[in-house]
Amino acid sequence: MASTQVETVSTTADKAKLGLAIVLLLASLVSFYLLAKQGQVAQWGALLACLVAAVAVFMSSEVGKQFLAFGRDSVREVRKVVWPARKEAMQMTAYVFAFVMVMALFLWLTDITLEWVFYDLLLGWKK
């Protein structure tokens, strides 16, 4: 049996980009709270500017590129899915609701029966 090993190669520049993205993310939060006296426009502007910069730096790193490729592959796979027609979806939903109702009734009857057996017959505790 062959074992597969996953190797991650990360350069110093890539690590620096990820570190900078984290610093920019933290800077966005800090600037949002430090600029409270400047008004909401300054707060939200600094927050969004730092967040956009953090996302740009992250996406330029190798991890960001892999994340983007994963997103593209996911969208491609979702397009391959054969979605049910409206009629079929409504029928399956009705089947699920009917099954849930039958199971709820069954569990309720089981609970009532066990309560009657244990409390009334075995223990003699009348309500």
C-alpha atoms as a PDB file:
ATOM      1  CA  MET A   1       0.000   0.000   0.000  1.00  0.00           C
ATOM      2  CA  ALA A   2       1.524   3.303  -1.079  1.00  0.00           C
ATOM      3  CA  SER A   3       1.404   6.177   1.320  1.00  0.00           C
ATOM      4  CA  THR A   4       0.848   9.645   0.015  1.00  0.00           C
ATOM      5  CA  GLN A   5       2.684  12.520   1.563  1.00  0.00           C
ATOM      6  CA  VAL A   6       1.612  16.100   1.270  1.00  0.00           C
ATOM      7  CA  GLU A   7       4.438  18.573   1.053  1.00  0.00           C
ATOM      8  CA  THR A   8       3.856  22.234   1.545  1.00  0.00           C
ATOM      9  CA  VAL A   9       6.455  24.545   0.120  1.00  0.00           C
ATOM     10  CA  SER A  10       6.331  28.013   1.540  1.00  0.00           C
ATOM     11  CA  THR A  11       8.825  30.714   0.737  1.00  0.00           C
ATOM     12  CA  THR A  12       9.844  33.501   3.060  1.00  0.00           C
ATOM     13  CA  ALA A  13       8.120  36.024   0.803  1.00  0.00           C
ATOM     14  CA  ASP A  14       4.914  33.998   0.961  1.00  0.00           C
ATOM     15  CA  LYS A  15       5.068  33.884   4.743  1.00  0.00           C
ATOM     16  CA  ALA A  16       5.697  37.616   4.799  1.00  0.00           C
ATOM     17  CA  LYS A  17       2.621  38.194   2.611  1.00  0.00           C
ATOM     18  CA  LEU A  18       0.446  36.131   4.950  1.00  0.00           C
ATOM     19  CA  GLY A  19       1.862  37.983   7.948  1.00  0.00           C
ATOM     20  CA  LEU A  20       1.193  41.332   6.276  1.00  0.00           C
ATOM     21  CA  ALA A  21      -2.379  40.252   5.473  1.00  0.00           C
ATOM     22  CA  ILE A  22      -2.932  39.399   9.145  1.00  0.00           C
ATOM     23  CA  VAL A  23      -1.416  42.704  10.247  1.00  0.00           C
ATOM     24  CA  LEU A  24      -3.671  44.595   7.799  1.00  0.00           C
ATOM     25  CA  LEU A  25      -6.687  42.690   9.097  1.00  0.00           C
ATOM     26  CA  LEU A  26      -5.845  43.641  12.666  1.00  0.00           C
ATOM     27  CA  ALA A  27      -5.109  47.210  11.562  1.00  0.00           C
ATOM     28  CA  SER A  28      -8.586  47.428  10.053  1.00  0.00           C
ATOM     29  CA  LEU A  29     -10.161  46.558  13.391  1.00  0.00           C
ATOM     30  CA  VAL A  30      -7.891  48.850  15.383  1.00  0.00           C
ATOM     31  CA  SER A  31      -8.413  51.771  13.007  1.00  0.00           C
ATOM     32  CA  PHE A  32     -12.168  51.287  13.150  1.00  0.00           C
ATOM     33  CA  TYR A  33     -12.205  51.731  16.918  1.00  0.00           C
ATOM     34  CA  LEU A  34      -9.517  54.424  17.084  1.00  0.00           C
ATOM     35  CA  LEU A  35     -11.329  56.591  14.551  1.00  0.00           C
ATOM     36  CA  ALA A  36     -14.598  56.618  16.499  1.00  0.00           C
ATOM     37  CA  LYS A  37     -14.306  60.358  17.177  1.00  0.00           C
ATOM     38  CA  GLN A  38     -13.639  61.142  13.504  1.00  0.00           C
ATOM     39  CA  GLY A  39     -17.061  59.980  12.367  1.00  0.00           C
ATOM     40  CA  GLN A  40     -18.546  56.959  10.725  1.00  0.00           C
ATOM     41  CA  VAL A  41     -17.258  57.785   7.254  1.00  0.00           C
ATOM     42  CA  ALA A  42     -13.662  57.742   8.482  1.00  0.00           C
ATOM     43  CA  GLN A  43     -14.267  54.596  10.532  1.00  0.00           C
ATOM     44  CA  TRP A  44     -15.837  52.603   7.731  1.00  0.00           C
ATOM     45  CA  GLY A  45     -13.450  54.007   5.138  1.00  0.00           C
ATOM     46  CA  ALA A  46     -10.387  52.906   7.114  1.00  0.00           C
ATOM     47  CA  LEU A  47     -11.972  49.536   7.855  1.00  0.00           C
ATOM     48  CA  LEU A  48     -12.822  48.838   4.225  1.00  0.00           C
ATOM     49  CA  ALA A  49      -9.501  50.160   2.896  1.00  0.00           C
ATOM     50  CA  CYS A  50      -7.492  47.938   5.240  1.00  0.00           C
ATOM     51  CA  LEU A  51      -9.730  44.935   4.525  1.00  0.00           C
ATOM     52  CA  VAL A  52      -9.368  45.382   0.763  1.00  0.00           C
ATOM     53  CA  ALA A  53      -5.591  45.686   1.163  1.00  0.00           C
ATOM     54  CA  ALA A  54      -5.516  42.557   3.352  1.00  0.00           C
ATOM     55  CA  VAL A  55      -7.524  40.565   0.800  1.00  0.00           C
ATOM     56  CA  ALA A  56      -5.297  41.803  -2.049  1.00  0.00           C
ATOM     57  CA  VAL A  57      -2.133  40.800  -0.200  1.00  0.00           C
ATOM     58  CA  PHE A  58      -3.633  37.428   0.766  1.00  0.00           C
ATOM     59  CA  MET A  59      -4.715  36.697  -2.797  1.00  0.00           C
ATOM     60  CA  SER A  60      -1.222  37.472  -4.093  1.00  0.00           C
ATOM     61  CA  SER A  61       0.242  34.763  -1.843  1.00  0.00           C
ATOM     62  CA  GLU A  62       0.445  31.101  -2.854  1.00  0.00           C
ATOM     63  CA  VAL A  63      -2.234  30.152  -0.309  1.00  0.00           C
ATOM     64  CA  GLY A  64      -4.527  32.814  -1.752  1.00  0.00           C
ATOM     65  CA  LYS A  65      -3.972  31.523  -5.274  1.00  0.00           C
ATOM     66  CA  GLN A  66      -4.751  27.980  -4.138  1.00  0.00           C
ATOM     67  CA  PHE A  67      -7.890  29.267  -2.408  1.00  0.00           C
ATOM     68  CA  LEU A  68      -8.992  31.016  -5.586  1.00  0.00           C
ATOM     69  CA  ALA A  69      -8.339  27.859  -7.638  1.00  0.00           C
ATOM     70  CA  PHE A  70     -10.363  25.837  -5.134  1.00  0.00           C
ATOM     71  CA  GLY A  71     -13.238  28.314  -5.504  1.00  0.00           C
ATOM     72  CA  ARG A  72     -13.122  28.048  -9.295  1.00  0.00           C
ATOM     73  CA  ASP A  73     -13.094  24.251  -9.121  1.00  0.00           C
ATOM     74  CA  SER A  74     -16.021  24.292  -6.701  1.00  0.00           C
ATOM     75  CA  VAL A  75     -18.083  26.488  -9.015  1.00  0.00           C
ATOM     76  CA  ARG A  76     -17.248  24.189 -11.930  1.00  0.00           C
ATOM     77  CA  GLU A  77     -18.412  21.145  -9.934  1.00  0.00           C
ATOM     78  CA  VAL A  78     -21.649  22.844  -8.847  1.00  0.00           C
ATOM     79  CA  ARG A  79     -22.451  23.547 -12.497  1.00  0.00           C
ATOM     80  CA  LYS A  80     -22.247  19.795 -13.174  1.00  0.00           C
ATOM     81  CA  VAL A  81     -24.978  19.011 -10.630  1.00  0.00           C
ATOM     82  CA  VAL A  82     -28.313  17.972 -12.082  1.00  0.00           C
ATOM     83  CA  TRP A  83     -30.830  19.924 -10.035  1.00  0.00           C
ATOM     84  CA  PRO A  84     -34.355  18.503  -9.601  1.00  0.00           C
ATOM     85  CA  ALA A  85     -37.300  20.083 -11.362  1.00  0.00           C
ATOM     86  CA  ARG A  86     -39.796  22.087  -9.295  1.00  0.00           C
ATOM     87  CA  LYS A  87     -42.352  19.264  -9.324  1.00  0.00           C
ATOM     88  CA  GLU A  88     -39.802  16.699  -8.149  1.00  0.00           C
ATOM     89  CA  ALA A  89     -38.491  19.024  -5.435  1.00  0.00           C
ATOM     90  CA  MET A  90     -42.029  19.658  -4.156  1.00  0.00           C
ATOM     91  CA  GLN A  91     -42.770  15.912  -4.108  1.00  0.00           C
ATOM     92  CA  MET A  92     -39.586  15.119  -2.182  1.00  0.00           C
ATOM     93  CA  THR A  93     -40.340  17.917   0.285  1.00  0.00           C
ATOM     94  CA  ALA A  94     -43.845  16.510   0.797  1.00  0.00           C
ATOM     95  CA  TYR A  95     -42.375  13.038   1.392  1.00  0.00           C
ATOM     96  CA  VAL A  96     -39.993  14.437   4.006  1.00  0.00           C
ATOM     97  CA  PHE A  97     -42.788  16.310   5.799  1.00  0.00           C
ATOM     98  CA  ALA A  98     -45.006  13.216   5.770  1.00  0.00           C
ATOM     99  CA  PHE A  99     -42.177  11.069   7.145  1.00  0.00           C
ATOM    100  CA  VAL A 100     -41.467  13.596   9.885  1.00  0.00           C
ATOM    101  CA  MET A 101     -45.137  13.651  10.871  1.00  0.00           C
ATOM    102  CA  VAL A 102     -45.324   9.832  10.966  1.00  0.00           C
ATOM    103  CA  MET A 103     -42.139   9.637  13.050  1.00  0.00           C
ATOM    104  CA  ALA A 104     -43.382  12.349  15.424  1.00  0.00           C
ATOM    105  CA  LEU A 105     -46.647  10.450  15.915  1.00  0.00           C
ATOM    106  CA  PHE A 106     -44.774   7.168  16.440  1.00  0.00           C
ATOM    107  CA  LEU A 107     -42.378   8.696  18.981  1.00  0.00           C
ATOM    108  CA  TRP A 108     -45.230  10.429  20.813  1.00  0.00           C
ATOM    109  CA  LEU A 109     -47.188   7.156  21.037  1.00  0.00           C
ATOM    110  CA  THR A 110     -44.072   5.306  22.207  1.00  0.00           C
ATOM    111  CA  ASP A 111     -43.448   7.953  24.874  1.00  0.00           C
ATOM    112  CA  ILE A 112     -47.041   7.863  26.112  1.00  0.00           C
ATOM    113  CA  THR A 113     -47.014   4.055  26.194  1.00  0.00           C
ATOM    114  CA  LEU A 114     -43.736   3.867  28.120  1.00  0.00           C
ATOM    115  CA  GLU A 115     -44.956   6.517  30.540  1.00  0.00           C
ATOM    116  CA  TRP A 116     -48.136   4.534  31.157  1.00  0.00           C
ATOM    117  CA  VAL A 117     -46.215   1.246  31.591  1.00  0.00           C
ATOM    118  CA  PHE A 118     -43.603   2.629  33.978  1.00  0.00           C
ATOM    119  CA  TYR A 119     -45.568   5.159  36.017  1.00  0.00           C
ATOM    120  CA  ASP A 120     -49.040   3.633  36.128  1.00  0.00           C
ATOM    121  CA  LEU A 121     -48.475  -0.126  35.919  1.00  0.00           C
ATOM    122  CA  LEU A 122     -45.043  -0.724  37.467  1.00  0.00           C
ATOM    123  CA  LEU A 123     -44.722   2.111  39.991  1.00  0.00           C
ATOM    124  CA  GLY A 124     -48.370   2.726  40.627  1.00  0.00           C
ATOM    125  CA  TRP A 125     -48.008   6.516  40.443  1.00  0.00           C
ATOM    126  CA  LYS A 126     -51.329   7.878  39.278  1.00  0.00           C
ATOM    127  CA  LYS A 127     -51.460  11.360  37.863  1.00  0.00           C
END
